[in-house]
Amino acid sequence: MSDDDLQDLGDHIGAVFDAVNKPLKGLYGDQHPFHLGTMIRWKDGGPDPLDGMSMYWNDDGYWHFVGFGLAEQGIKTSGIPEVSGWGCELTFKLRPPPEVLADTSIDPELNVPIPCLKTPRWPVVMLNDIARYVFSQQAWLRHGHFMQGIQPFPFIGIIADPSLPDPCQTPNGTFHWLQVVILDEEQFAKLQSDDWQAWLASRPDSWHITPDMPDPHTTVDP
């Protein structure tokens, strides 16, 4: 690869990075999220389908998990020019326990909000499990979809993340920010009904933010 080719590749990847991060910067300004990256990428035999996860702190009092790896964040390799990868990236919102709200300042050494250093890891596991389903089943997720079998949650819904613009336009094509919501049995039935769009439109503004909950993967002996 020539120097010019390397320069073009670098410019392309930089343009993709800027396009993906522009809506996040628009929402969170100069906030530095706490970021987790994979050691070995999925395509190289790693265990986690997502290449990384950023955890932002929203001033309304919740963690905003943003996954990366279902859309094409680097080189364009898929065969659909207008769509980036699987056409989506996954997000999740979770309220913390009250003690986390006691200090929402910025850590002076890491330059990230202190609540981001206290994020639980089970949402990272959950979003990776959903991404694993996408890859293994060749499944396209879209707004209004629902899922069962993502343990230990009986019911999961997929909605357009209302905090982020839709779709996200990048040099590799477009993708949608899709938010995972944990549903109860009644909500799951509503999402399966013929009037699911009207039902979603009638939800309170904050319904999609999961309340504080312990790690659901942890079992407690009676």
C-alpha atoms as a PDB file:
ATOM      1  CA  MET A   1       0.000   0.000   0.000  1.00  0.00           C
ATOM      2  CA  SER A   2       1.454   3.341  -1.062  1.00  0.00           C
ATOM      3  CA  ASP A   3       1.814   6.363   1.191  1.00  0.00           C
ATOM      4  CA  ASP A   4      -1.064   8.021  -0.673  1.00  0.00           C
ATOM      5  CA  ASP A   5      -3.248   4.951  -0.126  1.00  0.00           C
ATOM      6  CA  LEU A   6      -2.398   4.979   3.575  1.00  0.00           C
ATOM      7  CA  GLN A   7      -3.258   8.663   3.747  1.00  0.00           C
ATOM      8  CA  ASP A   8      -6.595   8.074   2.003  1.00  0.00           C
ATOM      9  CA  LEU A   9      -7.363   5.198   4.355  1.00  0.00           C
ATOM     10  CA  GLY A  10      -6.518   7.301   7.375  1.00  0.00           C
ATOM     11  CA  ASP A  11      -8.668  10.157   6.096  1.00  0.00           C
ATOM     12  CA  HIS A  12     -11.591   7.762   5.528  1.00  0.00           C
ATOM     13  CA  ILE A  13     -11.378   6.193   8.988  1.00  0.00           C
ATOM     14  CA  GLY A  14     -11.071   9.657  10.525  1.00  0.00           C
ATOM     15  CA  ALA A  15     -14.170  10.841   8.661  1.00  0.00           C
ATOM     16  CA  VAL A  16     -16.127   7.789   9.883  1.00  0.00           C
ATOM     17  CA  PHE A  17     -14.992   8.417  13.467  1.00  0.00           C
ATOM     18  CA  ASP A  18     -16.056  12.058  13.260  1.00  0.00           C
ATOM     19  CA  ALA A  19     -19.474  11.150  11.797  1.00  0.00           C
ATOM     20  CA  VAL A  20     -20.166   8.549  14.501  1.00  0.00           C
ATOM     21  CA  ASN A  21     -19.049  10.776  17.359  1.00  0.00           C
ATOM     22  CA  LYS A  22     -20.717  13.976  16.141  1.00  0.00           C
ATOM     23  CA  PRO A  23     -24.168  13.139  17.604  1.00  0.00           C
ATOM     24  CA  LEU A  24     -22.574  11.961  20.860  1.00  0.00           C
ATOM     25  CA  LYS A  25     -20.606  15.177  21.109  1.00  0.00           C
ATOM     26  CA  GLY A  26     -23.791  17.087  20.356  1.00  0.00           C
ATOM     27  CA  LEU A  27     -25.453  15.373  23.302  1.00  0.00           C
ATOM     28  CA  TYR A  28     -22.574  15.294  25.791  1.00  0.00           C
ATOM     29  CA  GLY A  29     -20.302  18.109  24.650  1.00  0.00           C
ATOM     30  CA  ASP A  30     -16.691  17.672  25.713  1.00  0.00           C
ATOM     31  CA  GLN A  31     -17.460  14.949  28.252  1.00  0.00           C
ATOM     32  CA  HIS A  32     -14.921  12.120  28.158  1.00  0.00           C
ATOM     33  CA  PRO A  33     -16.762   8.799  28.561  1.00  0.00           C
ATOM     34  CA  PHE A  34     -15.354   5.782  30.324  1.00  0.00           C
ATOM     35  CA  HIS A  35     -14.488   3.391  27.510  1.00  0.00           C
ATOM     36  CA  LEU A  36     -13.993  -0.372  27.464  1.00  0.00           C
ATOM     37  CA  GLY A  37     -12.359  -1.954  24.428  1.00  0.00           C
ATOM     38  CA  THR A  38     -11.919  -5.582  23.451  1.00  0.00           C
ATOM     39  CA  MET A  39      -8.463  -7.147  23.542  1.00  0.00           C
ATOM     40  CA  ILE A  40      -9.094  -9.418  20.533  1.00  0.00           C
ATOM     41  CA  ARG A  41     -11.726  -8.381  18.014  1.00  0.00           C
ATOM     42  CA  TRP A  42     -14.550 -10.765  17.094  1.00  0.00           C
ATOM     43  CA  LYS A  43     -13.352 -11.107  13.512  1.00  0.00           C
ATOM     44  CA  ASP A  44      -9.951 -12.188  14.840  1.00  0.00           C
ATOM     45  CA  GLY A  45     -11.433 -14.869  17.081  1.00  0.00           C
ATOM     46  CA  GLY A  46     -12.212 -12.804  20.175  1.00  0.00           C
ATOM     47  CA  PRO A  47     -15.144 -13.616  22.494  1.00  0.00           C
ATOM     48  CA  ASP A  48     -16.967 -10.268  22.345  1.00  0.00           C
ATOM     49  CA  PRO A  49     -18.830  -9.161  19.196  1.00  0.00           C
ATOM     50  CA  LEU A  50     -18.642  -5.471  20.087  1.00  0.00           C
ATOM     51  CA  ASP A  51     -15.317  -3.737  19.574  1.00  0.00           C
ATOM     52  CA  GLY A  52     -15.943  -1.365  22.454  1.00  0.00           C
ATOM     53  CA  MET A  53     -18.400   0.322  24.791  1.00  0.00           C
ATOM     54  CA  SER A  54     -18.511   3.935  25.974  1.00  0.00           C
ATOM     55  CA  MET A  55     -20.315   4.879  29.173  1.00  0.00           C
ATOM     56  CA  TYR A  56     -21.539   8.470  29.375  1.00  0.00           C
ATOM     57  CA  TRP A  57     -23.092  10.230  32.348  1.00  0.00           C
ATOM     58  CA  ASN A  58     -26.330  12.021  31.543  1.00  0.00           C
ATOM     59  CA  ASP A  59     -27.176  15.050  33.692  1.00  0.00           C
ATOM     60  CA  ASP A  60     -30.723  13.725  34.058  1.00  0.00           C
ATOM     61  CA  GLY A  61     -29.238  11.108  36.349  1.00  0.00           C
ATOM     62  CA  TYR A  62     -28.482   7.948  34.394  1.00  0.00           C
ATOM     63  CA  TRP A  63     -25.731   6.022  32.664  1.00  0.00           C
ATOM     64  CA  HIS A  64     -25.848   5.939  28.851  1.00  0.00           C
ATOM     65  CA  PHE A  65     -24.090   2.858  27.457  1.00  0.00           C
ATOM     66  CA  VAL A  66     -23.107   3.129  23.775  1.00  0.00           C
ATOM     67  CA  GLY A  67     -21.779   0.088  21.932  1.00  0.00           C
ATOM     68  CA  PHE A  68     -19.587   0.019  18.835  1.00  0.00           C
ATOM     69  CA  GLY A  69     -19.107  -2.835  16.393  1.00  0.00           C
ATOM     70  CA  LEU A  70     -22.345  -3.583  14.559  1.00  0.00           C
ATOM     71  CA  ALA A  71     -21.865  -0.672  12.170  1.00  0.00           C
ATOM     72  CA  GLU A  72     -18.635  -0.312  10.207  1.00  0.00           C
ATOM     73  CA  GLN A  73     -16.417   1.974  12.255  1.00  0.00           C
ATOM     74  CA  GLY A  74     -13.360   1.654  10.026  1.00  0.00           C
ATOM     75  CA  ILE A  75     -12.988   0.188   6.532  1.00  0.00           C
ATOM     76  CA  LYS A  76     -16.111  -0.465   4.462  1.00  0.00           C
ATOM     77  CA  THR A  77     -16.359  -4.223   3.886  1.00  0.00           C
ATOM     78  CA  SER A  78     -20.071  -5.000   3.511  1.00  0.00           C
ATOM     79  CA  GLY A  79     -21.744  -5.183   0.139  1.00  0.00           C
ATOM     80  CA  ILE A  80     -24.553  -2.671   0.713  1.00  0.00           C
ATOM     81  CA  PRO A  81     -23.126   0.806  -0.012  1.00  0.00           C
ATOM     82  CA  GLU A  82     -25.913   2.770   1.652  1.00  0.00           C
ATOM     83  CA  VAL A  83     -25.892   0.768   4.932  1.00  0.00           C
ATOM     84  CA  SER A  84     -23.055   0.625   7.453  1.00  0.00           C
ATOM     85  CA  GLY A  85     -22.532  -2.957   8.581  1.00  0.00           C
ATOM     86  CA  TRP A  86     -25.636  -4.324  10.274  1.00  0.00           C
ATOM     87  CA  GLY A  87     -27.246  -0.903  10.136  1.00  0.00           C
ATOM     88  CA  CYS A  88     -27.282  -0.210  13.869  1.00  0.00           C
ATOM     89  CA  GLU A  89     -25.358   0.382  17.065  1.00  0.00           C
ATOM     90  CA  LEU A  90     -26.804  -0.587  20.452  1.00  0.00           C
ATOM     91  CA  THR A  91     -27.367   1.661  23.467  1.00  0.00           C
ATOM     92  CA  PHE A  92     -28.819   1.224  26.955  1.00  0.00           C
ATOM     93  CA  LYS A  93     -29.802   3.593  29.761  1.00  0.00           C
ATOM     94  CA  LEU A  94     -29.707   2.725  33.455  1.00  0.00           C
ATOM     95  CA  ARG A  95     -30.349   4.754  36.591  1.00  0.00           C
ATOM     96  CA  PRO A  96     -27.758   4.254  39.357  1.00  0.00           C
ATOM     97  CA  PRO A  97     -28.300   3.593  43.048  1.00  0.00           C
ATOM     98  CA  PRO A  98     -28.687   6.796  45.132  1.00  0.00           C
ATOM     99  CA  GLU A  99     -25.140   6.732  46.482  1.00  0.00           C
ATOM    100  CA  VAL A 100     -23.728   7.230  42.970  1.00  0.00           C
ATOM    101  CA  LEU A 101     -25.587  10.538  42.707  1.00  0.00           C
ATOM    102  CA  ALA A 102     -23.694  11.899  45.733  1.00  0.00           C
ATOM    103  CA  ASP A 103     -20.711  12.886  43.563  1.00  0.00           C
ATOM    104  CA  THR A 104     -21.142  13.685  39.865  1.00  0.00           C
ATOM    105  CA  SER A 105     -17.944  15.702  39.489  1.00  0.00           C
ATOM    106  CA  ILE A 106     -15.098  14.978  37.064  1.00  0.00           C
ATOM    107  CA  ASP A 107     -12.268  12.686  38.124  1.00  0.00           C
ATOM    108  CA  PRO A 108      -9.161  14.930  37.945  1.00  0.00           C
ATOM    109  CA  GLU A 109      -6.809  12.160  36.797  1.00  0.00           C
ATOM    110  CA  LEU A 110      -8.939  10.283  34.263  1.00  0.00           C
ATOM    111  CA  ASN A 111     -11.005  13.327  33.202  1.00  0.00           C
ATOM    112  CA  VAL A 112     -14.259  11.359  33.163  1.00  0.00           C
ATOM    113  CA  PRO A 113     -17.392  11.848  35.310  1.00  0.00           C
ATOM    114  CA  ILE A 114     -16.995   9.959  38.579  1.00  0.00           C
ATOM    115  CA  PRO A 115     -20.323   8.083  38.114  1.00  0.00           C
ATOM    116  CA  CYS A 116     -18.867   6.574  34.907  1.00  0.00           C
ATOM    117  CA  LEU A 117     -16.186   4.883  37.009  1.00  0.00           C
ATOM    118  CA  LYS A 118     -18.945   3.105  38.945  1.00  0.00           C
ATOM    119  CA  THR A 119     -20.873   1.634  36.014  1.00  0.00           C
ATOM    120  CA  PRO A 120     -21.968  -1.980  36.433  1.00  0.00           C
ATOM    121  CA  ARG A 121     -20.675  -4.457  33.876  1.00  0.00           C
ATOM    122  CA  TRP A 122     -23.839  -6.475  33.301  1.00  0.00           C
ATOM    123  CA  PRO A 123     -25.173  -4.044  30.633  1.00  0.00           C
ATOM    124  CA  VAL A 124     -21.909  -4.599  28.717  1.00  0.00           C
ATOM    125  CA  VAL A 125     -22.541  -8.361  28.858  1.00  0.00           C
ATOM    126  CA  MET A 126     -26.168  -7.892  27.763  1.00  0.00           C
ATOM    127  CA  LEU A 127     -25.345  -5.710  24.753  1.00  0.00           C
ATOM    128  CA  ASN A 128     -22.638  -8.151  23.678  1.00  0.00           C
ATOM    129  CA  ASP A 129     -25.114 -11.039  23.954  1.00  0.00           C
ATOM    130  CA  ILE A 130     -27.531  -9.175  21.676  1.00  0.00           C
ATOM    131  CA  ALA A 131     -24.719  -8.395  19.218  1.00  0.00           C
ATOM    132  CA  ARG A 132     -23.725 -12.078  19.328  1.00  0.00           C
ATOM    133  CA  TYR A 133     -27.296 -12.951  18.330  1.00  0.00           C
ATOM    134  CA  VAL A 134     -27.089 -10.515  15.396  1.00  0.00           C
ATOM    135  CA  PHE A 135     -23.884 -12.094  14.099  1.00  0.00           C
ATOM    136  CA  SER A 136     -24.843 -15.731  14.700  1.00  0.00           C
ATOM    137  CA  GLN A 137     -28.398 -15.467  13.335  1.00  0.00           C
ATOM    138  CA  GLN A 138     -27.637 -12.906  10.606  1.00  0.00           C
ATOM    139  CA  ALA A 139     -30.428 -10.819  12.141  1.00  0.00           C
ATOM    140  CA  TRP A 140     -31.263  -7.213  11.284  1.00  0.00           C
ATOM    141  CA  LEU A 141     -32.559  -5.256  14.290  1.00  0.00           C
ATOM    142  CA  ARG A 142     -34.948  -2.348  13.857  1.00  0.00           C
ATOM    143  CA  HIS A 143     -37.155  -0.011  15.902  1.00  0.00           C
ATOM    144  CA  GLY A 144     -40.062  -1.941  17.404  1.00  0.00           C
ATOM    145  CA  HIS A 145     -38.388  -5.343  17.403  1.00  0.00           C
ATOM    146  CA  PHE A 146     -38.595  -7.561  20.481  1.00  0.00           C
ATOM    147  CA  MET A 147     -36.530 -10.469  21.745  1.00  0.00           C
ATOM    148  CA  GLN A 148     -36.658 -13.384  24.141  1.00  0.00           C
ATOM    149  CA  GLY A 149     -33.843 -15.616  25.303  1.00  0.00           C
ATOM    150  CA  ILE A 150     -31.252 -12.969  26.181  1.00  0.00           C
ATOM    151  CA  GLN A 151     -30.542 -14.325  29.645  1.00  0.00           C
ATOM    152  CA  PRO A 152     -31.416 -13.556  32.340  1.00  0.00           C
ATOM    153  CA  PHE A 153     -34.078 -11.205  30.929  1.00  0.00           C
ATOM    154  CA  PRO A 154     -37.393 -12.734  29.820  1.00  0.00           C
ATOM    155  CA  PHE A 155     -38.357  -9.843  27.540  1.00  0.00           C
ATOM    156  CA  ILE A 156     -36.363  -7.193  25.668  1.00  0.00           C
ATOM    157  CA  GLY A 157     -37.508  -4.453  23.306  1.00  0.00           C
ATOM    158  CA  ILE A 158     -35.545  -2.547  20.681  1.00  0.00           C
ATOM    159  CA  ILE A 159     -36.431   1.112  20.050  1.00  0.00           C
ATOM    160  CA  ALA A 160     -34.828   4.073  18.329  1.00  0.00           C
ATOM    161  CA  ASP A 161     -32.734   5.853  20.962  1.00  0.00           C
ATOM    162  CA  PRO A 162     -34.692   9.115  21.470  1.00  0.00           C
ATOM    163  CA  SER A 163     -31.543  10.931  22.626  1.00  0.00           C
ATOM    164  CA  LEU A 164     -29.647  10.528  19.354  1.00  0.00           C
ATOM    165  CA  PRO A 165     -30.475  11.613  15.783  1.00  0.00           C
ATOM    166  CA  ASP A 166     -31.747   8.932  13.450  1.00  0.00           C
ATOM    167  CA  PRO A 167     -30.254   7.770  11.206  1.00  0.00           C
ATOM    168  CA  CYS A 168     -26.530   8.433  11.624  1.00  0.00           C
ATOM    169  CA  GLN A 169     -24.887   9.246   8.291  1.00  0.00           C
ATOM    170  CA  THR A 170     -21.282   8.099   7.789  1.00  0.00           C
ATOM    171  CA  PRO A 171     -18.961   7.594   4.795  1.00  0.00           C
ATOM    172  CA  ASN A 172     -19.630   3.857   5.206  1.00  0.00           C
ATOM    173  CA  GLY A 173     -23.407   4.280   4.939  1.00  0.00           C
ATOM    174  CA  THR A 174     -26.135   4.933   7.481  1.00  0.00           C
ATOM    175  CA  PHE A 175     -26.981   3.183  10.723  1.00  0.00           C
ATOM    176  CA  HIS A 176     -29.561   3.577  13.501  1.00  0.00           C
ATOM    177  CA  TRP A 177     -28.908   4.100  17.209  1.00  0.00           C
ATOM    178  CA  LEU A 178     -31.077   1.350  18.723  1.00  0.00           C
ATOM    179  CA  GLN A 179     -31.753   1.361  22.441  1.00  0.00           C
ATOM    180  CA  VAL A 180     -32.357  -1.818  24.404  1.00  0.00           C
ATOM    181  CA  VAL A 181     -35.193  -1.663  26.941  1.00  0.00           C
ATOM    182  CA  ILE A 182     -35.991  -4.360  29.504  1.00  0.00           C
ATOM    183  CA  LEU A 183     -39.716  -5.118  29.406  1.00  0.00           C
ATOM    184  CA  ASP A 184     -42.189  -6.751  31.738  1.00  0.00           C
ATOM    185  CA  GLU A 185     -44.696  -9.275  30.394  1.00  0.00           C
ATOM    186  CA  GLU A 186     -47.427  -6.682  29.820  1.00  0.00           C
ATOM    187  CA  GLN A 187     -45.094  -4.316  27.948  1.00  0.00           C
ATOM    188  CA  PHE A 188     -43.801  -7.211  25.871  1.00  0.00           C
ATOM    189  CA  ALA A 189     -47.352  -8.060  24.832  1.00  0.00           C
ATOM    190  CA  LYS A 190     -47.999  -4.440  23.884  1.00  0.00           C
ATOM    191  CA  LEU A 191     -44.898  -4.340  21.685  1.00  0.00           C
ATOM    192  CA  GLN A 192     -46.142  -7.445  19.862  1.00  0.00           C
ATOM    193  CA  SER A 193     -49.608  -5.989  19.232  1.00  0.00           C
ATOM    194  CA  ASP A 194     -50.823  -4.402  15.997  1.00  0.00           C
ATOM    195  CA  ASP A 195     -50.917  -0.939  17.612  1.00  0.00           C
ATOM    196  CA  TRP A 196     -47.342  -1.100  18.953  1.00  0.00           C
ATOM    197  CA  GLN A 197     -46.392   2.194  17.324  1.00  0.00           C
ATOM    198  CA  ALA A 198     -49.215   4.051  19.068  1.00  0.00           C
ATOM    199  CA  TRP A 199     -48.295   2.349  22.326  1.00  0.00           C
ATOM    200  CA  LEU A 200     -44.660   3.453  22.054  1.00  0.00           C
ATOM    201  CA  ALA A 201     -45.736   6.994  21.208  1.00  0.00           C
ATOM    202  CA  SER A 202     -47.884   7.094  24.349  1.00  0.00           C
ATOM    203  CA  ARG A 203     -45.064   6.132  26.724  1.00  0.00           C
ATOM    204  CA  PRO A 204     -43.829   8.691  29.291  1.00  0.00           C
ATOM    205  CA  ASP A 205     -40.628  10.480  28.300  1.00  0.00           C
ATOM    206  CA  SER A 206     -38.454   8.548  30.747  1.00  0.00           C
ATOM    207  CA  TRP A 207     -40.019   5.091  30.406  1.00  0.00           C
ATOM    208  CA  HIS A 208     -37.070   3.801  28.382  1.00  0.00           C
ATOM    209  CA  ILE A 209     -34.599   4.417  31.231  1.00  0.00           C
ATOM    210  CA  THR A 210     -34.184   1.233  33.257  1.00  0.00           C
ATOM    211  CA  PRO A 211     -34.542   1.817  37.028  1.00  0.00           C
ATOM    212  CA  ASP A 212     -31.699   0.954  39.372  1.00  0.00           C
ATOM    213  CA  MET A 213     -31.370  -2.815  39.638  1.00  0.00           C
ATOM    214  CA  PRO A 214     -28.745  -5.234  40.999  1.00  0.00           C
ATOM    215  CA  ASP A 215     -26.679  -7.358  38.659  1.00  0.00           C
ATOM    216  CA  PRO A 216     -29.312  -9.737  37.247  1.00  0.00           C
ATOM    217  CA  HIS A 217     -26.633 -12.334  36.472  1.00  0.00           C
ATOM    218  CA  THR A 218     -25.914 -12.735  40.198  1.00  0.00           C
ATOM    219  CA  THR A 219     -27.966 -15.321  42.029  1.00  0.00           C
ATOM    220  CA  VAL A 220     -28.561 -15.028  45.761  1.00  0.00           C
ATOM    221  CA  ASP A 221     -28.994 -18.169  47.824  1.00  0.00           C
ATOM    222  CA  PRO A 222     -32.236 -18.197  49.842  1.00  0.00           C
END
